[in-house]
Amino acid sequence: HGLHASGLWSGERGTNLFDGGAPFYDTYECS
């Protein structure tokens, strides 16, 4: 809620900092 009020949460899932939207906060498949 705080991130949203600060304009730091877009409202669309999967496009934000801590929901996998950021490529540096996500999971990656290995070989």
PDB file of all heavy atoms in Angstrom:
ATOM      1  N   HIS A   1       0.839  -1.198   0.000  1.00  0.00           N
ATOM      2  CA  HIS A   1       0.000   0.000   0.000  1.00  0.00           C
ATOM      3  C   HIS A   1       0.877   1.253   0.000  1.00  0.00           C
ATOM      4  O   HIS A   1       0.561   2.254  -0.664  1.00  0.00           O
ATOM      5  CB  HIS A   1      -0.919   0.006   1.224  1.00  0.00           C
ATOM      6  CG  HIS A   1      -2.123  -0.858   1.065  1.00  0.00           C
ATOM      7  ND1 HIS A   1      -3.272  -0.425   0.440  1.00  0.00           N
ATOM      8  CD2 HIS A   1      -2.368  -2.144   1.440  1.00  0.00           C
ATOM      9  CE1 HIS A   1      -4.174  -1.387   0.445  1.00  0.00           C
ATOM     10  NE2 HIS A   1      -3.647  -2.449   1.043  1.00  0.00           N
ATOM     11  N   GLY A   2       1.974   1.214   0.763  1.00  0.00           N
ATOM     12  CA  GLY A   2       2.883   2.352   0.799  1.00  0.00           C
ATOM     13  C   GLY A   2       3.555   2.602  -0.533  1.00  0.00           C
ATOM     14  O   GLY A   2       3.674   3.757  -0.982  1.00  0.00           O
ATOM     15  N   LEU A   3       3.992   1.532  -1.196  1.00  0.00           N
ATOM     16  CA  LEU A   3       4.609   1.686  -2.511  1.00  0.00           C
ATOM     17  C   LEU A   3       3.614   2.262  -3.516  1.00  0.00           C
ATOM     18  O   LEU A   3       3.965   3.132  -4.337  1.00  0.00           O
ATOM     19  CB  LEU A   3       5.118   0.330  -3.011  1.00  0.00           C
ATOM     20  CG  LEU A   3       6.339  -0.258  -2.292  1.00  0.00           C
ATOM     21  CD1 LEU A   3       6.685  -1.623  -2.873  1.00  0.00           C
ATOM     22  CD2 LEU A   3       7.537   0.673  -2.387  1.00  0.00           C
ATOM     23  N   HIS A   4       2.369   1.813  -3.446  1.00  0.00           N
ATOM     24  CA  HIS A   4       1.349   2.305  -4.373  1.00  0.00           C
ATOM     25  C   HIS A   4       1.081   3.790  -4.145  1.00  0.00           C
ATOM     26  O   HIS A   4       0.978   4.581  -5.098  1.00  0.00           O
ATOM     27  CB  HIS A   4       0.060   1.500  -4.202  1.00  0.00           C
ATOM     28  CG  HIS A   4      -1.029   1.905  -5.151  1.00  0.00           C
ATOM     29  ND1 HIS A   4      -2.008   2.814  -4.816  1.00  0.00           N
ATOM     30  CD2 HIS A   4      -1.278   1.531  -6.439  1.00  0.00           C
ATOM     31  CE1 HIS A   4      -2.821   2.977  -5.846  1.00  0.00           C
ATOM     32  NE2 HIS A   4      -2.394   2.211  -6.840  1.00  0.00           N
ATOM     33  N   ALA A   5       0.993   4.182  -2.882  1.00  0.00           N
ATOM     34  CA  ALA A   5       0.735   5.593  -2.561  1.00  0.00           C
ATOM     35  C   ALA A   5       1.880   6.487  -3.015  1.00  0.00           C
ATOM     36  O   ALA A   5       1.674   7.679  -3.304  1.00  0.00           O
ATOM     37  CB  ALA A   5       0.514   5.755  -1.059  1.00  0.00           C
ATOM     38  N   SER A   6       3.086   5.929  -3.090  1.00  0.00           N
ATOM     39  CA  SER A   6       4.262   6.696  -3.503  1.00  0.00           C
ATOM     40  C   SER A   6       4.477   6.658  -5.015  1.00  0.00           C
ATOM     41  O   SER A   6       5.472   7.203  -5.516  1.00  0.00           O
ATOM     42  CB  SER A   6       5.518   6.152  -2.803  1.00  0.00           C
ATOM     43  OG  SER A   6       5.379   6.226  -1.400  1.00  0.00           O
ATOM     44  N   GLY A   7       3.575   5.995  -5.725  1.00  0.00           N
ATOM     45  CA  GLY A   7       3.708   5.891  -7.168  1.00  0.00           C
ATOM     46  C   GLY A   7       4.729   4.871  -7.615  1.00  0.00           C
ATOM     47  O   GLY A   7       5.166   4.879  -8.777  1.00  0.00           O
ATOM     48  N   LEU A   8       5.115   3.960  -6.700  1.00  0.00           N
ATOM     49  CA  LEU A   8       6.137   2.971  -7.020  1.00  0.00           C
ATOM     50  C   LEU A   8       5.559   1.592  -7.297  1.00  0.00           C
ATOM     51  O   LEU A   8       6.301   0.611  -7.379  1.00  0.00           O
ATOM     52  CB  LEU A   8       7.156   2.885  -5.869  1.00  0.00           C
ATOM     53  CG  LEU A   8       7.927   4.178  -5.585  1.00  0.00           C
ATOM     54  CD1 LEU A   8       8.818   4.003  -4.364  1.00  0.00           C
ATOM     55  CD2 LEU A   8       8.750   4.586  -6.800  1.00  0.00           C
ATOM     56  N   TRP A   9       4.239   1.501  -7.407  1.00  0.00           N
ATOM     57  CA  TRP A   9       3.589   0.226  -7.739  1.00  0.00           C
ATOM     58  C   TRP A   9       2.570   0.507  -8.827  1.00  0.00           C
ATOM     59  O   TRP A   9       1.628   1.275  -8.612  1.00  0.00           O
ATOM     60  CB  TRP A   9       2.917  -0.371  -6.496  1.00  0.00           C
ATOM     61  CG  TRP A   9       2.578  -1.825  -6.631  1.00  0.00           C
ATOM     62  CD1 TRP A   9       1.421  -2.360  -7.104  1.00  0.00           C
ATOM     63  CD2 TRP A   9       3.428  -2.929  -6.308  1.00  0.00           C
ATOM     64  NE1 TRP A   9       1.485  -3.733  -7.101  1.00  0.00           N
ATOM     65  CE2 TRP A   9       2.712  -4.120  -6.616  1.00  0.00           C
ATOM     66  CE3 TRP A   9       4.719  -3.045  -5.791  1.00  0.00           C
ATOM     67  CZ2 TRP A   9       3.252  -5.379  -6.416  1.00  0.00           C
ATOM     68  CZ3 TRP A   9       5.258  -4.303  -5.601  1.00  0.00           C
ATOM     69  CH2 TRP A   9       4.516  -5.455  -5.901  1.00  0.00           C
ATOM     70  N   SER A  10       2.750  -0.100  -9.971  1.00  0.00           N
ATOM     71  CA  SER A  10       1.959   0.278 -11.146  1.00  0.00           C
ATOM     72  C   SER A  10       0.514  -0.168 -11.061  1.00  0.00           C
ATOM     73  O   SER A  10      -0.361   0.400 -11.713  1.00  0.00           O
ATOM     74  CB  SER A  10       2.597  -0.311 -12.399  1.00  0.00           C
ATOM     75  OG  SER A  10       2.396  -1.717 -12.451  1.00  0.00           O
ATOM     76  N   GLY A  11       0.255  -1.207 -10.301  1.00  0.00           N
ATOM     77  CA  GLY A  11      -1.101  -1.740 -10.253  1.00  0.00           C
ATOM     78  C   GLY A  11      -1.258  -2.983 -11.103  1.00  0.00           C
ATOM     79  O   GLY A  11      -2.163  -3.771 -10.886  1.00  0.00           O
ATOM     80  N   GLU A  12      -0.398  -3.179 -12.112  1.00  0.00           N
ATOM     81  CA  GLU A  12      -0.463  -4.383 -12.933  1.00  0.00           C
ATOM     82  C   GLU A  12       0.510  -5.403 -12.387  1.00  0.00           C
ATOM     83  O   GLU A  12       1.700  -5.125 -12.225  1.00  0.00           O
ATOM     84  CB  GLU A  12      -0.110  -4.067 -14.389  1.00  0.00           C
ATOM     85  CG  GLU A  12      -0.194  -5.281 -15.302  1.00  0.00           C
ATOM     86  CD  GLU A  12       0.208  -4.956 -16.739  1.00  0.00           C
ATOM     87  OE1 GLU A  12       0.382  -3.759 -17.044  1.00  0.00           O
ATOM     88  OE2 GLU A  12       0.367  -5.900 -17.530  1.00  0.00           O
ATOM     89  N   ARG A  13       0.011  -6.594 -12.061  1.00  0.00           N
ATOM     90  CA  ARG A  13       0.886  -7.590 -11.442  1.00  0.00           C
ATOM     91  C   ARG A  13       1.998  -8.015 -12.407  1.00  0.00           C
ATOM     92  O   ARG A  13       1.844  -8.011 -13.629  1.00  0.00           O
ATOM     93  CB  ARG A  13       0.085  -8.797 -10.967  1.00  0.00           C
ATOM     94  CG  ARG A  13      -0.469  -9.694 -12.017  1.00  0.00           C
ATOM     95  CD  ARG A  13      -1.160 -10.913 -11.410  1.00  0.00           C
ATOM     96  NE  ARG A  13      -2.237 -11.365 -12.270  1.00  0.00           N
ATOM     97  CZ  ARG A  13      -3.470 -10.886 -12.225  1.00  0.00           C
ATOM     98  NH1 ARG A  13      -3.784  -9.958 -11.357  1.00  0.00           N
ATOM     99  NH2 ARG A  13      -4.398 -11.332 -13.052  1.00  0.00           N
ATOM    100  N   GLY A  14       3.103  -8.394 -11.808  1.00  0.00           N
ATOM    101  CA  GLY A  14       4.225  -8.889 -12.584  1.00  0.00           C
ATOM    102  C   GLY A  14       5.024  -7.814 -13.290  1.00  0.00           C
ATOM    103  O   GLY A  14       5.854  -8.136 -14.157  1.00  0.00           O
ATOM    104  N   THR A  15       4.817  -6.534 -12.923  1.00  0.00           N
ATOM    105  CA  THR A  15       5.567  -5.454 -13.574  1.00  0.00           C
ATOM    106  C   THR A  15       6.260  -4.561 -12.547  1.00  0.00           C
ATOM    107  O   THR A  15       6.789  -3.510 -12.912  1.00  0.00           O
ATOM    108  CB  THR A  15       4.641  -4.585 -14.445  1.00  0.00           C
ATOM    109  OG1 THR A  15       3.646  -3.967 -13.609  1.00  0.00           O
ATOM    110  CG2 THR A  15       3.946  -5.422 -15.506  1.00  0.00           C
ATOM    111  N   ASN A  16       6.274  -4.975 -11.295  1.00  0.00           N
ATOM    112  CA  ASN A  16       6.782  -4.134 -10.223  1.00  0.00           C
ATOM    113  C   ASN A  16       8.061  -4.713  -9.625  1.00  0.00           C
ATOM    114  O   ASN A  16       8.515  -5.796  -9.990  1.00  0.00           O
ATOM    115  CB  ASN A  16       5.711  -3.977  -9.145  1.00  0.00           C
ATOM    116  CG  ASN A  16       4.436  -3.381  -9.706  1.00  0.00           C
ATOM    117  OD1 ASN A  16       4.327  -2.186  -9.926  1.00  0.00           O
ATOM    118  ND2 ASN A  16       3.435  -4.242  -9.960  1.00  0.00           N
ATOM    119  N   LEU A  17       8.596  -4.008  -8.640  1.00  0.00           N
ATOM    120  CA  LEU A  17       9.906  -4.347  -8.111  1.00  0.00           C
ATOM    121  C   LEU A  17       9.951  -5.712  -7.440  1.00  0.00           C
ATOM    122  O   LEU A  17      10.883  -6.484  -7.658  1.00  0.00           O
ATOM    123  CB  LEU A  17      10.343  -3.263  -7.114  1.00  0.00           C
ATOM    124  CG  LEU A  17      11.735  -3.425  -6.493  1.00  0.00           C
ATOM    125  CD1 LEU A  17      12.805  -3.485  -7.577  1.00  0.00           C
ATOM    126  CD2 LEU A  17      12.019  -2.282  -5.529  1.00  0.00           C
ATOM    127  N   PHE A  18       8.948  -6.031  -6.603  1.00  0.00           N
ATOM    128  CA  PHE A  18       9.019  -7.254  -5.807  1.00  0.00           C
ATOM    129  C   PHE A  18       8.048  -8.347  -6.258  1.00  0.00           C
ATOM    130  O   PHE A  18       7.771  -9.273  -5.507  1.00  0.00           O
ATOM    131  CB  PHE A  18       8.774  -6.926  -4.329  1.00  0.00           C
ATOM    132  CG  PHE A  18       9.822  -6.027  -3.732  1.00  0.00           C
ATOM    133  CD1 PHE A  18       9.496  -4.757  -3.296  1.00  0.00           C
ATOM    134  CD2 PHE A  18      11.136  -6.441  -3.640  1.00  0.00           C
ATOM    135  CE1 PHE A  18      10.459  -3.912  -2.755  1.00  0.00           C
ATOM    136  CE2 PHE A  18      12.118  -5.612  -3.107  1.00  0.00           C
ATOM    137  CZ  PHE A  18      11.776  -4.338  -2.672  1.00  0.00           C
ATOM    138  N   ASP A  19       7.506  -8.235  -7.445  1.00  0.00           N
ATOM    139  CA  ASP A  19       6.560  -9.259  -7.921  1.00  0.00           C
ATOM    140  C   ASP A  19       7.067  -9.985  -9.153  1.00  0.00           C
ATOM    141  O   ASP A  19       6.288 -10.604  -9.879  1.00  0.00           O
ATOM    142  CB  ASP A  19       5.191  -8.629  -8.192  1.00  0.00           C
ATOM    143  CG  ASP A  19       5.221  -7.573  -9.299  1.00  0.00           C
ATOM    144  OD1 ASP A  19       6.315  -7.314  -9.851  1.00  0.00           O
ATOM    145  OD2 ASP A  19       4.159  -7.002  -9.603  1.00  0.00           O
ATOM    146  N   GLY A  20       8.367  -9.920  -9.389  1.00  0.00           N
ATOM    147  CA  GLY A  20       8.940 -10.572 -10.562  1.00  0.00           C
ATOM    148  C   GLY A  20       9.026  -9.668 -11.772  1.00  0.00           C
ATOM    149  O   GLY A  20       9.509 -10.094 -12.828  1.00  0.00           O
ATOM    150  N   GLY A  21       8.570  -8.438 -11.632  1.00  0.00           N
ATOM    151  CA  GLY A  21       8.627  -7.515 -12.759  1.00  0.00           C
ATOM    152  C   GLY A  21      10.038  -7.046 -13.060  1.00  0.00           C
ATOM    153  O   GLY A  21      10.407  -6.824 -14.218  1.00  0.00           O
ATOM    154  N   ALA A  22      10.847  -6.877 -12.010  1.00  0.00           N
ATOM    155  CA  ALA A  22      12.233  -6.449 -12.195  1.00  0.00           C
ATOM    156  C   ALA A  22      13.103  -7.657 -12.518  1.00  0.00           C
ATOM    157  O   ALA A  22      13.043  -8.681 -11.833  1.00  0.00           O
ATOM    158  CB  ALA A  22      12.739  -5.766 -10.924  1.00  0.00           C
ATOM    159  N   PRO A  23      13.948  -7.576 -13.547  1.00  0.00           N
ATOM    160  CA  PRO A  23      14.782  -8.734 -13.916  1.00  0.00           C
ATOM    161  C   PRO A  23      15.803  -9.106 -12.847  1.00  0.00           C
ATOM    162  O   PRO A  23      16.327 -10.223 -12.868  1.00  0.00           O
ATOM    163  CB  PRO A  23      15.469  -8.266 -15.204  1.00  0.00           C
ATOM    164  CG  PRO A  23      15.380  -6.782 -15.196  1.00  0.00           C
ATOM    165  CD  PRO A  23      14.112  -6.446 -14.474  1.00  0.00           C
ATOM    166  N   PHE A  24      16.081  -8.185 -11.918  1.00  0.00           N
ATOM    167  CA  PHE A  24      17.029  -8.481 -10.845  1.00  0.00           C
ATOM    168  C   PHE A  24      16.322  -8.938  -9.574  1.00  0.00           C
ATOM    169  O   PHE A  24      16.929  -9.010  -8.510  1.00  0.00           O
ATOM    170  CB  PHE A  24      17.910  -7.252 -10.549  1.00  0.00           C
ATOM    171  CG  PHE A  24      17.137  -5.966 -10.390  1.00  0.00           C
ATOM    172  CD1 PHE A  24      16.566  -5.627  -9.179  1.00  0.00           C
ATOM    173  CD2 PHE A  24      16.973  -5.111 -11.472  1.00  0.00           C
ATOM    174  CE1 PHE A  24      15.846  -4.457  -9.026  1.00  0.00           C
ATOM    175  CE2 PHE A  24      16.250  -3.930 -11.336  1.00  0.00           C
ATOM    176  CZ  PHE A  24      15.686  -3.608 -10.111  1.00  0.00           C
ATOM    177  N   TYR A  25      15.023  -9.237  -9.676  1.00  0.00           N
ATOM    178  CA  TYR A  25      14.264  -9.797  -8.539  1.00  0.00           C
ATOM    179  C   TYR A  25      13.301 -10.828  -9.114  1.00  0.00           C
ATOM    180  O   TYR A  25      12.099 -10.596  -9.241  1.00  0.00           O
ATOM    181  CB  TYR A  25      13.506  -8.692  -7.792  1.00  0.00           C
ATOM    182  CG  TYR A  25      13.148  -9.067  -6.360  1.00  0.00           C
ATOM    183  CD1 TYR A  25      14.032  -8.816  -5.318  1.00  0.00           C
ATOM    184  CD2 TYR A  25      11.935  -9.682  -6.060  1.00  0.00           C
ATOM    185  CE1 TYR A  25      13.722  -9.163  -4.014  1.00  0.00           C
ATOM    186  CE2 TYR A  25      11.612 -10.033  -4.760  1.00  0.00           C
ATOM    187  CZ  TYR A  25      12.507  -9.772  -3.748  1.00  0.00           C
ATOM    188  OH  TYR A  25      12.187 -10.131  -2.447  1.00  0.00           O
ATOM    189  N   ASP A  26      13.859 -11.986  -9.472  1.00  0.00           N
ATOM    190  CA  ASP A  26      13.060 -12.990 -10.174  1.00  0.00           C
ATOM    191  C   ASP A  26      13.778 -14.343 -10.065  1.00  0.00           C
ATOM    192  O   ASP A  26      14.838 -14.456  -9.460  1.00  0.00           O
ATOM    193  CB  ASP A  26      12.892 -12.585 -11.639  1.00  0.00           C
ATOM    194  CG  ASP A  26      11.669 -13.209 -12.295  1.00  0.00           C
ATOM    195  OD1 ASP A  26      11.010 -14.059 -11.654  1.00  0.00           O
ATOM    196  OD2 ASP A  26      11.367 -12.851 -13.456  1.00  0.00           O
ATOM    197  N   THR A  27      13.180 -15.352 -10.652  1.00  0.00           N
ATOM    198  CA  THR A  27      13.802 -16.671 -10.707  1.00  0.00           C
ATOM    199  C   THR A  27      14.181 -16.999 -12.147  1.00  0.00           C
ATOM    200  O   THR A  27      13.530 -16.530 -13.099  1.00  0.00           O
ATOM    201  CB  THR A  27      12.855 -17.767 -10.174  1.00  0.00           C
ATOM    202  OG1 THR A  27      11.646 -17.775 -10.953  1.00  0.00           O
ATOM    203  CG2 THR A  27      12.511 -17.518  -8.712  1.00  0.00           C
ATOM    204  N   TYR A  28      15.238 -17.809 -12.293  1.00  0.00           N
ATOM    205  CA  TYR A  28      15.714 -18.171 -13.620  1.00  0.00           C
ATOM    206  C   TYR A  28      15.976 -19.666 -13.694  1.00  0.00           C
ATOM    207  O   TYR A  28      16.527 -20.260 -12.758  1.00  0.00           O
ATOM    208  CB  TYR A  28      16.986 -17.390 -13.961  1.00  0.00           C
ATOM    209  CG  TYR A  28      16.725 -15.916 -14.175  1.00  0.00           C
ATOM    210  CD1 TYR A  28      16.813 -15.014 -13.119  1.00  0.00           C
ATOM    211  CD2 TYR A  28      16.348 -15.438 -15.430  1.00  0.00           C
ATOM    212  CE1 TYR A  28      16.547 -13.663 -13.304  1.00  0.00           C
ATOM    213  CE2 TYR A  28      16.083 -14.093 -15.626  1.00  0.00           C
ATOM    214  CZ  TYR A  28      16.182 -13.209 -14.565  1.00  0.00           C
ATOM    215  OH  TYR A  28      15.902 -11.879 -14.759  1.00  0.00           O
ATOM    216  N   GLU A  29      15.583 -20.247 -14.818  1.00  0.00           N
ATOM    217  CA  GLU A  29      15.783 -21.682 -15.027  1.00  0.00           C
ATOM    218  C   GLU A  29      17.235 -21.970 -15.381  1.00  0.00           C
ATOM    219  O   GLU A  29      17.872 -21.208 -16.124  1.00  0.00           O
ATOM    220  CB  GLU A  29      14.868 -22.186 -16.133  1.00  0.00           C
ATOM    221  CG  GLU A  29      14.895 -23.699 -16.296  1.00  0.00           C
ATOM    222  CD  GLU A  29      13.897 -24.205 -17.322  1.00  0.00           C
ATOM    223  OE1 GLU A  29      13.307 -23.361 -18.031  1.00  0.00           O
ATOM    224  OE2 GLU A  29      13.722 -25.429 -17.418  1.00  0.00           O
ATOM    225  N   CYS A  30      17.733 -23.080 -14.851  1.00  0.00           N
ATOM    226  CA  CYS A  30      19.107 -23.498 -15.113  1.00  0.00           C
ATOM    227  C   CYS A  30      19.116 -24.659 -16.108  1.00  0.00           C
ATOM    228  O   CYS A  30      18.065 -25.140 -16.536  1.00  0.00           O
ATOM    229  CB  CYS A  30      19.787 -23.896 -13.811  1.00  0.00           C
ATOM    230  SG  CYS A  30      19.757 -22.579 -12.569  1.00  0.00           S
ATOM    231  N   SER A  31      20.297 -25.128 -16.471  1.00  0.00           N
ATOM    232  CA  SER A  31      20.405 -26.153 -17.515  1.00  0.00           C
ATOM    233  C   SER A  31      19.780 -27.479 -17.110  1.00  0.00           C
ATOM    234  O   SER A  31      19.416 -28.291 -17.964  1.00  0.00           O
ATOM    235  CB  SER A  31      21.875 -26.379 -17.888  1.00  0.00           C
ATOM    236  OG  SER A  31      22.607 -26.889 -16.782  1.00  0.00           O
TER     237      SER A  31
END
